[in-house]
Amino acid sequence: MSSENKVCVIMSKAKPYLLMIGLQFGMAGNYIFGKDILNHGMNRFVFIVYRNAMAAAALAPFAFIFERKSRPKMTLAIFLRIMVLGFLEPVFNQSFNYLGMKYTSASFTSAIMNAVPSITFLLALLTRMEHVKLKEVRSEAKVIGTLVTFGGAVLMGIYKGHGFNLFHSRTQQHHGGGGDPSSSHNHHQIAGALYIFMGCVALSSFYILQSITLKKYPAELSLATLICVAGTGQATVVALVAEHHSQAWALGWDYRLYAPLYTGLVSSAIAYYVQGMVMKMRGPVFTTAFNPLCMIIVAALGSLFLGERLYLGSIIGSIIITMGLYLVVWGKAKDHREETINLKSPPITVTNENNYPSNEHKLDESNIK
């Protein structure tokens, strides 16, 4: 094998890893901008409408140009799935994530979101996309990892502990999730954790349905565009009901523009496309396995730009969630390796004297002369 072929093989194997690592750096900005617009008082439903509208506008030209000839025919079943996808992530997941973030912090939200891989595995198990054999170590690892992840998420919701700031002095107060660990703050933390967890369930459901839809509609750009369009339409209905003041819809050359623009382009448009592409290569569980990196980036940026405080309960819970996450990922990696070996190993067939394959492992006496 030539050096050029070796490089191509290495890059092909590294492609899903590089795409997901790069995406985590972009996704970290989603939490920072999201918390910033909440601190400024922008209605979260209006923000979601603008975010998905800008994502659809950014994706549509590329989908039209690159998938014009390869785009599958739209059917009623695919259309209904797209409408459900537009509700699960753009509407349900985003609205509950931002609501939970309002009660807590950007770093807390990104930490709880690490429960998504375990929830995705559980849902994949229920939909028979994943299989568990309890006598196998890799299956035990996935089950134990799921339970550990849930335990870490529960700990983060009920225990706060001592707080500190990475970059700012003790006298600086955090905008949304800091302050003294009073009963009021503990109540907000529990409520926020529940809201974020509901968003996690919706996002995991989105990944499962997206993976199923891509098999029938294998056009990542077009699917991502249609999801954003469906999400924009549904979020607009919700926003019109929740927000009656026209001033709330005003845009300007400030956070009201750059926050929806960034999150729409990176966290929705690019994320949907990259996740769909990686999902076709490695499946939905692998796609959600890189969230801890985003959590670390958000913790640093949240402390630096938003003055957020980190709490002992959040740190311990994050470590537990990460341990559970990688137990699930390790088990999934073993599954993928076995599937690859099985695909490369051709089935052994026995042929008779006329070179016709036989379905039996042993030769029938009638074929022996």
Protein backbone atom coordinates (compact mmCIF):
# COMPACT_ATOMS: atom_id res chain seq x y z
CA MET A 1 0.00 0.00 0.00
CA SER A 2 1.42 3.38 -1.03
CA SER A 3 1.91 6.24 1.43
CA GLU A 4 -0.94 8.19 -0.20
CA ASN A 5 -3.32 5.27 0.28
CA LYS A 6 -2.24 4.90 3.89
CA VAL A 7 -2.95 8.58 4.53
CA CYS A 8 -6.39 8.22 2.91
CA VAL A 9 -7.19 5.20 5.08
CA ILE A 10 -6.06 6.99 8.26
CA MET A 11 -8.07 10.11 7.40
CA SER A 12 -11.11 7.99 6.58
CA LYS A 13 -10.94 6.31 10.00
CA ALA A 14 -10.26 9.62 11.78
CA LYS A 15 -12.97 11.58 9.94
CA PRO A 16 -15.89 10.92 12.35
CA TYR A 17 -13.66 11.71 15.35
CA LEU A 18 -12.34 14.96 13.86
CA LEU A 19 -15.82 16.10 12.83
CA MET A 20 -17.32 15.48 16.27
CA ILE A 21 -14.38 17.09 18.15
CA GLY A 22 -14.60 20.20 15.96
CA LEU A 23 -18.35 20.31 16.43
CA GLN A 24 -18.01 20.37 20.24
CA PHE A 25 -16.00 23.61 20.07
CA GLY A 26 -18.75 25.16 17.98
CA MET A 27 -21.53 23.79 20.19
CA ALA A 28 -19.93 25.34 23.28
CA GLY A 29 -20.86 28.75 21.93
CA ASN A 30 -24.51 27.69 21.90
CA TYR A 31 -24.57 27.54 25.70
CA ILE A 32 -22.67 30.81 26.14
CA PHE A 33 -24.84 32.78 23.69
CA GLY A 34 -27.98 31.10 25.02
CA LYS A 35 -27.25 32.12 28.60
CA ASP A 36 -26.29 35.63 27.45
CA ILE A 37 -29.62 36.27 25.68
CA LEU A 38 -31.50 34.92 28.70
CA ASN A 39 -29.58 37.30 30.96
CA HIS A 40 -30.59 40.16 28.64
CA GLY A 41 -34.26 39.15 28.86
CA MET A 42 -34.91 37.98 25.28
CA ASN A 43 -37.89 35.63 24.99
CA ARG A 44 -36.57 32.11 24.45
CA PHE A 45 -39.32 31.18 21.97
CA VAL A 46 -38.56 34.20 19.79
CA PHE A 47 -34.88 33.33 19.98
CA ILE A 48 -35.64 29.77 18.83
CA VAL A 49 -37.65 31.07 15.85
CA TYR A 50 -34.81 33.32 14.66
CA ARG A 51 -32.18 30.65 15.32
CA ASN A 52 -33.90 28.01 13.17
CA ALA A 53 -34.93 30.49 10.47
CA MET A 54 -31.30 31.55 10.03
CA ALA A 55 -30.21 27.92 10.01
CA ALA A 56 -32.72 27.08 7.27
CA ALA A 57 -31.64 30.10 5.22
CA ALA A 58 -27.99 29.05 5.49
CA LEU A 59 -28.60 25.39 4.58
CA ALA A 60 -31.15 25.78 1.79
CA PRO A 61 -28.77 26.94 -1.00
CA PHE A 62 -26.31 24.10 -0.34
CA ALA A 63 -29.09 21.53 -0.21
CA PHE A 64 -30.50 22.80 -3.51
CA ILE A 65 -27.12 22.81 -5.30
CA PHE A 66 -25.46 19.64 -4.00
CA GLU A 67 -28.47 17.35 -3.57
CA ARG A 68 -30.68 18.50 -6.43
CA LYS A 69 -30.21 15.26 -8.39
CA SER A 70 -29.70 12.82 -5.50
CA ARG A 71 -32.54 14.01 -3.27
CA PRO A 72 -35.10 11.19 -2.75
CA LYS A 73 -38.77 11.69 -3.46
CA MET A 74 -40.80 13.14 -0.60
CA THR A 75 -43.47 10.81 0.78
CA LEU A 76 -46.14 11.32 3.42
CA ALA A 77 -44.27 9.10 5.88
CA ILE A 78 -41.04 11.10 5.44
CA PHE A 79 -42.95 14.40 5.73
CA LEU A 80 -44.56 13.32 9.02
CA ARG A 81 -41.20 12.23 10.39
CA ILE A 82 -39.69 15.61 9.49
CA MET A 83 -42.52 17.39 11.29
CA VAL A 84 -41.87 15.29 14.40
CA LEU A 85 -38.13 15.95 14.13
CA GLY A 86 -38.87 19.67 13.84
CA PHE A 87 -40.83 19.49 17.08
CA LEU A 88 -38.45 17.27 19.07
CA GLU A 89 -35.23 19.29 18.70
CA PRO A 90 -35.93 22.85 17.50
CA VAL A 91 -39.03 23.29 19.67
CA PHE A 92 -39.13 20.89 22.63
CA ASN A 93 -35.42 20.32 23.31
CA GLN A 94 -34.29 23.91 22.76
CA SER A 95 -37.13 25.48 24.75
CA PHE A 96 -36.63 23.22 27.78
CA ASN A 97 -32.85 23.54 27.62
CA TYR A 98 -33.06 27.34 27.66
CA LEU A 99 -35.68 27.21 30.42
CA GLY A 100 -33.43 24.98 32.53
CA MET A 101 -30.44 27.18 31.75
CA LYS A 102 -32.40 30.22 32.99
CA TYR A 103 -32.67 28.58 36.43
CA THR A 104 -29.08 27.27 36.51
CA SER A 105 -26.07 28.10 34.32
CA ALA A 106 -24.49 27.32 30.96
CA SER A 107 -21.92 24.93 32.47
CA PHE A 108 -24.59 23.13 34.52
CA THR A 109 -26.73 22.67 31.39
CA SER A 110 -23.85 21.32 29.31
CA ALA A 111 -22.98 18.87 32.11
CA ILE A 112 -26.51 17.47 32.36
CA MET A 113 -26.57 17.11 28.57
CA ASN A 114 -23.94 14.38 28.97
CA ALA A 115 -26.84 12.12 29.93
CA VAL A 116 -27.96 12.17 26.26
CA PRO A 117 -25.78 9.19 25.13
CA SER A 118 -27.17 6.94 27.86
CA ILE A 119 -30.75 8.01 27.14
CA THR A 120 -30.07 7.48 23.42
CA PHE A 121 -28.78 3.97 24.17
CA LEU A 122 -31.87 3.22 26.25
CA LEU A 123 -34.21 4.44 23.50
CA ALA A 124 -32.19 2.56 20.87
CA LEU A 125 -32.64 -0.55 22.98
CA LEU A 126 -36.39 -0.03 23.13
CA THR A 127 -36.57 0.48 19.34
CA ARG A 128 -34.32 -2.58 18.77
CA MET A 129 -31.57 -0.53 17.16
CA GLU A 130 -29.32 -1.79 19.97
CA HIS A 131 -29.15 -5.30 21.43
CA VAL A 132 -28.00 -6.38 24.88
CA LYS A 133 -26.63 -9.77 25.89
CA LEU A 134 -26.06 -9.59 29.62
CA LYS A 135 -23.49 -12.41 29.53
CA GLU A 136 -21.20 -10.25 27.37
CA VAL A 137 -18.89 -7.69 28.98
CA ARG A 138 -19.63 -4.96 26.42
CA SER A 139 -23.38 -5.24 27.04
CA GLU A 140 -22.84 -5.11 30.80
CA ALA A 141 -20.70 -1.99 30.34
CA LYS A 142 -23.48 -0.23 28.40
CA VAL A 143 -26.11 -1.08 31.01
CA ILE A 144 -23.90 -0.11 33.97
CA GLY A 145 -22.81 3.07 32.18
CA THR A 146 -26.43 4.08 31.64
CA LEU A 147 -27.24 3.63 35.34
CA VAL A 148 -24.10 5.51 36.42
CA THR A 149 -24.95 8.40 34.10
CA PHE A 150 -28.43 8.75 35.54
CA GLY A 151 -26.95 8.66 39.04
CA GLY A 152 -24.60 11.52 38.20
CA ALA A 153 -27.44 13.59 36.75
CA VAL A 154 -29.56 13.04 39.88
CA LEU A 155 -26.62 14.07 42.10
CA MET A 156 -26.18 17.29 40.16
CA GLY A 157 -29.84 18.09 40.61
CA ILE A 158 -30.03 17.57 44.37
CA TYR A 159 -26.54 18.50 45.63
CA LYS A 160 -24.83 21.86 45.15
CA GLY A 161 -21.90 22.15 47.57
CA HIS A 162 -19.17 24.78 47.73
CA GLY A 163 -18.86 27.20 44.79
CA PHE A 164 -15.87 28.91 43.24
CA ASN A 165 -14.93 30.83 40.10
CA LEU A 166 -12.08 29.96 37.75
CA PHE A 167 -11.27 33.43 36.47
CA HIS A 168 -13.08 36.02 38.60
CA SER A 169 -12.82 37.11 42.21
CA ARG A 170 -15.11 35.91 44.96
CA THR A 171 -16.91 39.23 45.09
CA GLN A 172 -18.25 38.93 41.56
CA GLN A 173 -21.70 37.42 41.40
CA HIS A 174 -22.93 35.01 38.80
CA HIS A 175 -25.80 36.20 36.64
CA GLY A 176 -28.11 33.23 36.79
CA GLY A 177 -26.99 30.12 38.65
CA GLY A 178 -24.66 31.36 41.40
CA GLY A 179 -25.05 32.96 44.77
CA ASP A 180 -25.42 31.37 48.19
CA PRO A 181 -26.74 27.82 48.33
CA SER A 182 -30.03 28.85 49.89
CA SER A 183 -33.27 26.86 49.68
CA SER A 184 -34.47 29.11 46.86
CA HIS A 185 -31.38 28.37 44.78
CA ASN A 186 -31.64 24.66 45.54
CA HIS A 187 -35.26 24.70 44.38
CA HIS A 188 -34.24 26.45 41.16
CA GLN A 189 -31.44 23.94 40.62
CA ILE A 190 -33.78 20.95 40.97
CA ALA A 191 -36.35 22.54 38.65
CA GLY A 192 -33.65 23.49 36.15
CA ALA A 193 -32.20 19.97 36.19
CA LEU A 194 -35.64 18.48 35.51
CA TYR A 195 -36.24 20.85 32.57
CA ILE A 196 -32.83 20.08 31.08
CA PHE A 197 -33.39 16.35 31.54
CA MET A 198 -36.68 16.62 29.65
CA GLY A 199 -34.74 18.33 26.87
CA CYS A 200 -32.24 15.43 26.93
CA VAL A 201 -35.03 12.91 26.38
CA ALA A 202 -36.33 14.95 23.45
CA LEU A 203 -32.84 15.26 21.93
CA SER A 204 -32.21 11.51 22.30
CA SER A 205 -35.53 10.81 20.62
CA PHE A 206 -34.49 13.21 17.86
CA TYR A 207 -31.24 11.29 17.28
CA ILE A 208 -33.07 7.96 17.06
CA LEU A 209 -35.70 9.24 14.64
CA GLN A 210 -33.09 11.12 12.59
CA SER A 211 -31.06 7.92 12.24
CA ILE A 212 -34.16 6.02 11.08
CA THR A 213 -35.21 8.80 8.68
CA LEU A 214 -31.75 8.99 7.07
CA LYS A 215 -32.12 5.38 5.93
CA LYS A 216 -35.25 6.31 3.94
CA TYR A 217 -34.17 9.84 3.05
CA PRO A 218 -30.34 9.76 2.70
CA ALA A 219 -29.84 13.46 1.94
CA GLU A 220 -28.25 15.09 4.99
CA LEU A 221 -28.37 18.70 3.78
CA SER A 222 -31.96 18.52 2.56
CA LEU A 223 -33.12 16.76 5.71
CA ALA A 224 -31.38 19.30 7.96
CA THR A 225 -32.95 22.17 5.99
CA LEU A 226 -36.43 20.69 6.19
CA ILE A 227 -36.04 20.07 9.95
CA CYS A 228 -35.09 23.73 10.45
CA VAL A 229 -38.04 24.89 8.33
CA ALA A 230 -40.45 22.65 10.24
CA GLY A 231 -38.98 23.80 13.54
CA THR A 232 -39.25 27.45 12.55
CA GLY A 233 -42.91 27.10 11.65
CA GLN A 234 -43.85 25.24 14.83
CA ALA A 235 -41.76 27.52 17.06
CA THR A 236 -43.40 30.57 15.48
CA VAL A 237 -46.84 29.31 16.51
CA VAL A 238 -45.62 28.74 20.08
CA ALA A 239 -43.86 32.13 20.19
CA LEU A 240 -46.96 34.01 18.97
CA VAL A 241 -48.99 32.43 21.74
CA ALA A 242 -46.37 33.02 24.44
CA GLU A 243 -45.23 36.52 23.42
CA HIS A 244 -47.79 39.18 22.43
CA HIS A 245 -45.54 42.26 22.43
CA SER A 246 -44.17 43.23 19.02
CA GLN A 247 -41.08 44.76 20.63
CA ALA A 248 -39.94 41.28 21.65
CA TRP A 249 -39.48 40.42 17.95
CA ALA A 250 -37.23 43.41 17.20
CA LEU A 251 -33.67 42.73 16.04
CA GLY A 252 -30.70 45.06 16.37
CA TRP A 253 -26.94 45.15 15.94
CA ASP A 254 -26.42 43.47 19.31
CA TYR A 255 -27.03 40.15 21.05
CA ARG A 256 -30.48 39.93 19.42
CA LEU A 257 -28.75 39.44 16.07
CA TYR A 258 -25.42 37.74 16.74
CA ALA A 259 -26.80 35.16 19.18
CA PRO A 260 -29.46 33.74 16.78
CA LEU A 261 -27.01 34.06 13.89
CA TYR A 262 -24.25 32.07 15.58
CA THR A 263 -26.50 29.41 17.09
CA GLY A 264 -28.46 29.10 13.85
CA LEU A 265 -25.38 28.63 11.67
CA VAL A 266 -23.26 26.51 14.01
CA SER A 267 -25.54 24.82 16.57
CA SER A 268 -28.35 24.05 14.13
CA ALA A 269 -27.23 24.17 10.48
CA ILE A 270 -23.71 22.77 10.75
CA ALA A 271 -24.59 20.51 13.71
CA TYR A 272 -27.52 18.84 11.93
CA TYR A 273 -25.42 18.19 8.83
CA VAL A 274 -22.32 16.90 10.67
CA GLN A 275 -24.36 14.77 13.07
CA GLY A 276 -26.31 13.25 10.21
CA MET A 277 -23.11 12.46 8.31
CA VAL A 278 -21.39 10.90 11.34
CA MET A 279 -24.59 9.06 12.28
CA LYS A 280 -24.57 7.27 8.93
CA MET A 281 -20.96 6.20 9.56
CA ARG A 282 -21.03 5.23 13.24
CA GLY A 283 -24.61 5.41 14.57
CA PRO A 284 -26.46 7.64 17.06
CA VAL A 285 -24.65 6.51 20.25
CA PHE A 286 -21.21 7.40 18.83
CA THR A 287 -22.55 10.79 17.73
CA THR A 288 -23.40 11.75 21.31
CA ALA A 289 -20.16 10.45 22.85
CA PHE A 290 -18.16 13.67 22.64
CA ASN A 291 -20.31 15.86 24.91
CA PRO A 292 -17.80 15.90 27.83
CA LEU A 293 -15.38 17.93 25.72
CA CYS A 294 -18.10 20.53 25.16
CA MET A 295 -18.79 20.54 28.93
CA ILE A 296 -15.16 21.41 29.72
CA ILE A 297 -15.09 24.21 27.12
CA VAL A 298 -18.38 25.66 28.39
CA ALA A 299 -17.19 25.58 32.01
CA ALA A 300 -14.11 27.60 31.09
CA LEU A 301 -15.93 30.08 28.80
CA GLY A 302 -18.87 30.47 31.21
CA SER A 303 -16.54 31.38 34.04
CA LEU A 304 -14.52 33.74 31.86
CA PHE A 305 -17.29 35.62 30.03
CA LEU A 306 -20.39 35.14 32.20
CA GLY A 307 -18.80 35.03 35.64
CA GLU A 308 -20.42 31.67 36.38
CA ARG A 309 -19.40 29.80 39.50
CA LEU A 310 -18.60 26.10 39.51
CA TYR A 311 -20.04 24.02 42.36
CA LEU A 312 -18.68 20.89 43.99
CA GLY A 313 -21.88 18.96 43.29
CA SER A 314 -21.70 19.85 39.61
CA ILE A 315 -18.05 18.80 39.36
CA ILE A 316 -18.62 15.44 41.12
CA GLY A 317 -21.79 14.82 39.10
CA SER A 318 -19.98 15.69 35.85
CA ILE A 319 -17.20 13.22 36.63
CA ILE A 320 -19.72 10.46 37.40
CA ILE A 321 -21.69 11.22 34.22
CA THR A 322 -18.49 11.15 32.16
CA MET A 323 -17.49 7.78 33.64
CA GLY A 324 -20.89 6.35 32.80
CA LEU A 325 -20.77 7.91 29.35
CA TYR A 326 -17.50 6.23 28.44
CA LEU A 327 -18.66 2.88 29.72
CA VAL A 328 -21.49 3.17 27.19
CA VAL A 329 -19.11 4.36 24.46
CA TRP A 330 -16.62 1.55 25.22
CA GLY A 331 -19.38 -1.03 24.88
CA LYS A 332 -20.57 0.58 21.67
CA ALA A 333 -17.01 0.61 20.26
CA LYS A 334 -16.77 -3.13 20.90
CA ASP A 335 -20.08 -3.61 19.07
CA HIS A 336 -18.83 -1.61 16.10
CA ARG A 337 -15.58 -3.60 15.97
CA GLU A 338 -17.45 -6.91 15.94
CA GLU A 339 -19.84 -5.67 13.25
CA THR A 340 -16.86 -4.61 11.12
CA ILE A 341 -15.21 -8.03 11.51
CA ASN A 342 -18.46 -9.80 10.60
CA LEU A 343 -18.83 -7.65 7.47
CA LYS A 344 -15.27 -8.40 6.37
CA SER A 345 -15.63 -12.16 6.98
CA PRO A 346 -17.49 -13.80 4.05
CA PRO A 347 -19.92 -16.60 4.93
CA ILE A 348 -18.58 -20.11 4.45
CA THR A 349 -20.61 -22.10 1.95
CA VAL A 350 -20.32 -25.69 0.84
CA THR A 351 -20.71 -26.45 -2.85
CA ASN A 352 -21.72 -29.64 -4.60
CA GLU A 353 -20.08 -31.11 -7.66
CA ASN A 354 -21.94 -28.67 -9.94
CA ASN A 355 -20.57 -25.70 -7.94
CA TYR A 356 -24.00 -24.83 -6.61
CA PRO A 357 -23.88 -23.44 -3.04
CA SER A 358 -25.49 -25.62 -0.43
CA ASN A 359 -27.31 -24.24 2.61
CA GLU A 360 -26.18 -27.14 4.76
CA HIS A 361 -22.88 -27.25 6.60
CA LYS A 362 -22.49 -30.93 5.84
CA LEU A 363 -22.52 -32.57 2.46
CA ASP A 364 -25.53 -34.66 1.66
CA GLU A 365 -24.69 -38.23 0.77
CA SER A 366 -26.54 -37.84 -2.54
CA ASN A 367 -23.94 -35.28 -3.67
CA ILE A 368 -21.04 -37.71 -3.10
CA LYS A 369 -20.27 -40.11 -5.92
